[in-house]
Amino acid sequence: IKCVEVFKEFYQTKTKHRKLTWIYSLGTCNINGKFEPKTMELIVTTYQ
């Protein structure tokens, strides 16, 4: 994923003594669903 690689490169320029580890199962995603009669925001895990 390009955005992960870009952030990894940025992070490595800021610190030399830490390791960045992505834990995708702990992430969340906000989805705006346009349903009738209203719009709803769904907050789901990356696993869903």
PDB file of N, CA and C in Angstrom:
ATOM      1  N   ILE A   1       0.859  -1.172   0.000  1.00  0.00           N
ATOM      2  CA  ILE A   1       0.000   0.000   0.000  1.00  0.00           C
ATOM      3  C   ILE A   1       0.904   1.233   0.000  1.00  0.00           C
ATOM      4  N   LYS A   2       0.679   2.099  -0.953  1.00  0.00           N
ATOM      5  CA  LYS A   2       1.548   3.258  -1.145  1.00  0.00           C
ATOM      6  C   LYS A   2       1.567   4.185   0.067  1.00  0.00           C
ATOM      7  N   CYS A   3       0.403   4.469   0.660  1.00  0.00           N
ATOM      8  CA  CYS A   3       0.370   5.403   1.789  1.00  0.00           C
ATOM      9  C   CYS A   3       1.137   4.856   2.989  1.00  0.00           C
ATOM     10  N   VAL A   4       1.120   3.544   3.189  1.00  0.00           N
ATOM     11  CA  VAL A   4       1.865   2.930   4.291  1.00  0.00           C
ATOM     12  C   VAL A   4       3.363   3.098   4.055  1.00  0.00           C
ATOM     13  N   GLU A   5       3.801   2.883   2.832  1.00  0.00           N
ATOM     14  CA  GLU A   5       5.221   3.031   2.509  1.00  0.00           C
ATOM     15  C   GLU A   5       5.688   4.474   2.677  1.00  0.00           C
ATOM     16  N   VAL A   6       4.851   5.426   2.256  1.00  0.00           N
ATOM     17  CA  VAL A   6       5.209   6.840   2.389  1.00  0.00           C
ATOM     18  C   VAL A   6       5.350   7.210   3.859  1.00  0.00           C
ATOM     19  N   PHE A   7       4.399   6.778   4.683  1.00  0.00           N
ATOM     20  CA  PHE A   7       4.481   7.092   6.109  1.00  0.00           C
ATOM     21  C   PHE A   7       5.673   6.402   6.760  1.00  0.00           C
ATOM     22  N   LYS A   8       5.956   5.173   6.346  1.00  0.00           N
ATOM     23  CA  LYS A   8       7.101   4.438   6.897  1.00  0.00           C
ATOM     24  C   LYS A   8       8.402   5.191   6.632  1.00  0.00           C
ATOM     25  N   GLU A   9       8.560   5.699   5.424  1.00  0.00           N
ATOM     26  CA  GLU A   9       9.756   6.468   5.088  1.00  0.00           C
ATOM     27  C   GLU A   9       9.840   7.748   5.915  1.00  0.00           C
ATOM     28  N   PHE A  10       8.713   8.431   6.076  1.00  0.00           N
ATOM     29  CA  PHE A  10       8.672   9.635   6.900  1.00  0.00           C
ATOM     30  C   PHE A  10       9.043   9.309   8.343  1.00  0.00           C
ATOM     31  N   TYR A  11       8.466   8.249   8.889  1.00  0.00           N
ATOM     32  CA  TYR A  11       8.702   7.860  10.282  1.00  0.00           C
ATOM     33  C   TYR A  11      10.171   7.539  10.519  1.00  0.00           C
ATOM     34  N   GLN A  12      10.794   6.879   9.569  1.00  0.00           N
ATOM     35  CA  GLN A  12      12.201   6.506   9.710  1.00  0.00           C
ATOM     36  C   GLN A  12      13.119   7.722   9.705  1.00  0.00           C
ATOM     37  N   THR A  13      12.686   8.819   9.098  1.00  0.00           N
ATOM     38  CA  THR A  13      13.505  10.036   9.140  1.00  0.00           C
ATOM     39  C   THR A  13      13.401  10.730  10.491  1.00  0.00           C
ATOM     40  N   LYS A  14      12.349  10.448  11.245  1.00  0.00           N
ATOM     41  CA  LYS A  14      12.129  11.107  12.535  1.00  0.00           C
ATOM     42  C   LYS A  14      12.710  10.339  13.709  1.00  0.00           C
ATOM     43  N   THR A  15      12.854   9.040  13.584  1.00  0.00           N
ATOM     44  CA  THR A  15      13.369   8.245  14.696  1.00  0.00           C
ATOM     45  C   THR A  15      14.262   7.127  14.168  1.00  0.00           C
ATOM     46  N   LYS A  16      15.277   6.822  14.929  1.00  0.00           N
ATOM     47  CA  LYS A  16      16.197   5.750  14.541  1.00  0.00           C
ATOM     48  C   LYS A  16      16.118   4.563  15.495  1.00  0.00           C
ATOM     49  N   HIS A  17      15.518   4.754  16.661  1.00  0.00           N
ATOM     50  CA  HIS A  17      15.542   3.728  17.703  1.00  0.00           C
ATOM     51  C   HIS A  17      14.201   3.019  17.883  1.00  0.00           C
ATOM     52  N   ARG A  18      13.254   3.301  17.027  1.00  0.00           N
ATOM     53  CA  ARG A  18      11.938   2.677  17.156  1.00  0.00           C
ATOM     54  C   ARG A  18      11.580   1.939  15.875  1.00  0.00           C
ATOM     55  N   LYS A  19      10.783   0.908  16.036  1.00  0.00           N
ATOM     56  CA  LYS A  19      10.335   0.117  14.893  1.00  0.00           C
ATOM     57  C   LYS A  19       8.830   0.314  14.727  1.00  0.00           C
ATOM     58  N   LEU A  20       8.410   0.617  13.524  1.00  0.00           N
ATOM     59  CA  LEU A  20       6.996   0.818  13.222  1.00  0.00           C
ATOM     60  C   LEU A  20       6.382  -0.507  12.794  1.00  0.00           C
ATOM     61  N   THR A  21       5.318  -0.917  13.486  1.00  0.00           N
ATOM     62  CA  THR A  21       4.619  -2.159  13.159  1.00  0.00           C
ATOM     63  C   THR A  21       3.144  -1.853  12.953  1.00  0.00           C
ATOM     64  N   TRP A  22       2.608  -2.251  11.815  1.00  0.00           N
ATOM     65  CA  TRP A  22       1.193  -2.027  11.521  1.00  0.00           C
ATOM     66  C   TRP A  22       0.391  -3.221  12.001  1.00  0.00           C
ATOM     67  N   ILE A  23      -0.649  -2.957  12.790  1.00  0.00           N
ATOM     68  CA  ILE A  23      -1.551  -4.002  13.271  1.00  0.00           C
ATOM     69  C   ILE A  23      -2.919  -3.701  12.658  1.00  0.00           C
ATOM     70  N   TYR A  24      -3.152  -4.249  11.490  1.00  0.00           N
ATOM     71  CA  TYR A  24      -4.349  -3.921  10.721  1.00  0.00           C
ATOM     72  C   TYR A  24      -5.639  -4.348  11.414  1.00  0.00           C
ATOM     73  N   SER A  25      -5.588  -5.390  12.221  1.00  0.00           N
ATOM     74  CA  SER A  25      -6.801  -5.880  12.881  1.00  0.00           C
ATOM     75  C   SER A  25      -7.319  -4.918  13.941  1.00  0.00           C
ATOM     76  N   LEU A  26      -6.518  -3.942  14.360  1.00  0.00           N
ATOM     77  CA  LEU A  26      -6.954  -2.976  15.369  1.00  0.00           C
ATOM     78  C   LEU A  26      -7.474  -1.677  14.761  1.00  0.00           C
ATOM     79  N   GLY A  27      -7.539  -1.610  13.446  1.00  0.00           N
ATOM     80  CA  GLY A  27      -7.975  -0.389  12.781  1.00  0.00           C
ATOM     81  C   GLY A  27      -9.485  -0.263  12.696  1.00  0.00           C
ATOM     82  N   THR A  28      -9.932   0.953  12.395  1.00  0.00           N
ATOM     83  CA  THR A  28     -11.351   1.207  12.162  1.00  0.00           C
ATOM     84  C   THR A  28     -11.507   2.015  10.882  1.00  0.00           C
ATOM     85  N   CYS A  29     -12.723   2.025  10.385  1.00  0.00           N
ATOM     86  CA  CYS A  29     -13.038   2.746   9.160  1.00  0.00           C
ATOM     87  C   CYS A  29     -14.405   3.398   9.324  1.00  0.00           C
ATOM     88  N   ASN A  30     -14.512   4.661   8.949  1.00  0.00           N
ATOM     89  CA  ASN A  30     -15.796   5.356   8.978  1.00  0.00           C
ATOM     90  C   ASN A  30     -16.361   5.366   7.562  1.00  0.00           C
ATOM     91  N   ILE A  31     -17.574   4.842   7.415  1.00  0.00           N
ATOM     92  CA  ILE A  31     -18.234   4.762   6.113  1.00  0.00           C
ATOM     93  C   ILE A  31     -19.521   5.561   6.185  1.00  0.00           C
ATOM     94  N   ASN A  32     -19.698   6.485   5.243  1.00  0.00           N
ATOM     95  CA  ASN A  32     -20.944   7.235   5.161  1.00  0.00           C
ATOM     96  C   ASN A  32     -21.866   6.531   4.179  1.00  0.00           C
ATOM     97  N   GLY A  33     -22.995   6.041   4.693  1.00  0.00           N
ATOM     98  CA  GLY A  33     -23.969   5.345   3.855  1.00  0.00           C
ATOM     99  C   GLY A  33     -25.187   6.217   3.622  1.00  0.00           C
ATOM    100  N   LYS A  34     -25.570   6.380   2.374  1.00  0.00           N
ATOM    101  CA  LYS A  34     -26.745   7.193   2.044  1.00  0.00           C
ATOM    102  C   LYS A  34     -27.929   6.262   1.847  1.00  0.00           C
ATOM    103  N   PHE A  35     -28.695   6.098   2.911  1.00  0.00           N
ATOM    104  CA  PHE A  35     -29.864   5.239   2.905  1.00  0.00           C
ATOM    105  C   PHE A  35     -31.114   6.109   2.921  1.00  0.00           C
ATOM    106  N   GLU A  36     -32.207   5.566   2.471  1.00  0.00           N
ATOM    107  CA  GLU A  36     -33.487   6.268   2.591  1.00  0.00           C
ATOM    108  C   GLU A  36     -34.054   5.968   3.954  1.00  0.00           C
ATOM    109  N   PRO A  37     -34.457   6.900   4.712  1.00  0.00           N
ATOM    110  CA  PRO A  37     -34.618   8.333   4.433  1.00  0.00           C
ATOM    111  C   PRO A  37     -33.462   9.193   4.917  1.00  0.00           C
ATOM    112  N   LYS A  38     -32.375   8.604   5.438  1.00  0.00           N
ATOM    113  CA  LYS A  38     -31.302   9.452   5.966  1.00  0.00           C
ATOM    114  C   LYS A  38     -29.930   8.843   5.698  1.00  0.00           C
ATOM    115  N   THR A  39     -28.910   9.671   5.897  1.00  0.00           N
ATOM    116  CA  THR A  39     -27.522   9.230   5.777  1.00  0.00           C
ATOM    117  C   THR A  39     -27.037   8.759   7.141  1.00  0.00           C
ATOM    118  N   MET A  40     -26.319   7.642   7.158  1.00  0.00           N
ATOM    119  CA  MET A  40     -25.801   7.099   8.410  1.00  0.00           C
ATOM    120  C   MET A  40     -24.294   6.923   8.303  1.00  0.00           C
ATOM    121  N   GLU A  41     -23.612   7.141   9.415  1.00  0.00           N
ATOM    122  CA  GLU A  41     -22.178   6.893   9.475  1.00  0.00           C
ATOM    123  C   GLU A  41     -21.957   5.558  10.167  1.00  0.00           C
ATOM    124  N   LEU A  42     -21.296   4.637   9.469  1.00  0.00           N
ATOM    125  CA  LEU A  42     -20.993   3.324  10.015  1.00  0.00           C
ATOM    126  C   LEU A  42     -19.525   3.300  10.420  1.00  0.00           C
ATOM    127  N   ILE A  43     -19.259   2.932  11.654  1.00  0.00           N
ATOM    128  CA  ILE A  43     -17.885   2.796  12.131  1.00  0.00           C
ATOM    129  C   ILE A  43     -17.625   1.302  12.286  1.00  0.00           C
ATOM    130  N   VAL A  44     -16.768   0.773  11.419  1.00  0.00           N
ATOM    131  CA  VAL A  44     -16.527  -0.669  11.375  1.00  0.00           C
ATOM    132  C   VAL A  44     -15.033  -0.941  11.533  1.00  0.00           C
ATOM    133  N   THR A  45     -14.706  -2.175  11.879  1.00  0.00           N
ATOM    134  CA  THR A  45     -13.302  -2.561  11.969  1.00  0.00           C
ATOM    135  C   THR A  45     -12.773  -2.866  10.574  1.00  0.00           C
ATOM    136  N   THR A  46     -11.471  -2.879  10.424  1.00  0.00           N
ATOM    137  CA  THR A  46     -10.893  -3.205   9.126  1.00  0.00           C
ATOM    138  C   THR A  46     -11.165  -4.657   8.757  1.00  0.00           C
ATOM    139  N   TYR A  47     -11.384  -5.494   9.754  1.00  0.00           N
ATOM    140  CA  TYR A  47     -11.705  -6.896   9.497  1.00  0.00           C
ATOM    141  C   TYR A  47     -13.077  -7.029   8.845  1.00  0.00           C
ATOM    142  N   GLN A  48     -14.026  -6.180   9.222  1.00  0.00           N
ATOM    143  CA  GLN A  48     -15.376  -6.252   8.667  1.00  0.00           C
ATOM    144  C   GLN A  48     -15.369  -5.825   7.223  1.00  0.00           C
TER     145      GLN A  48
END
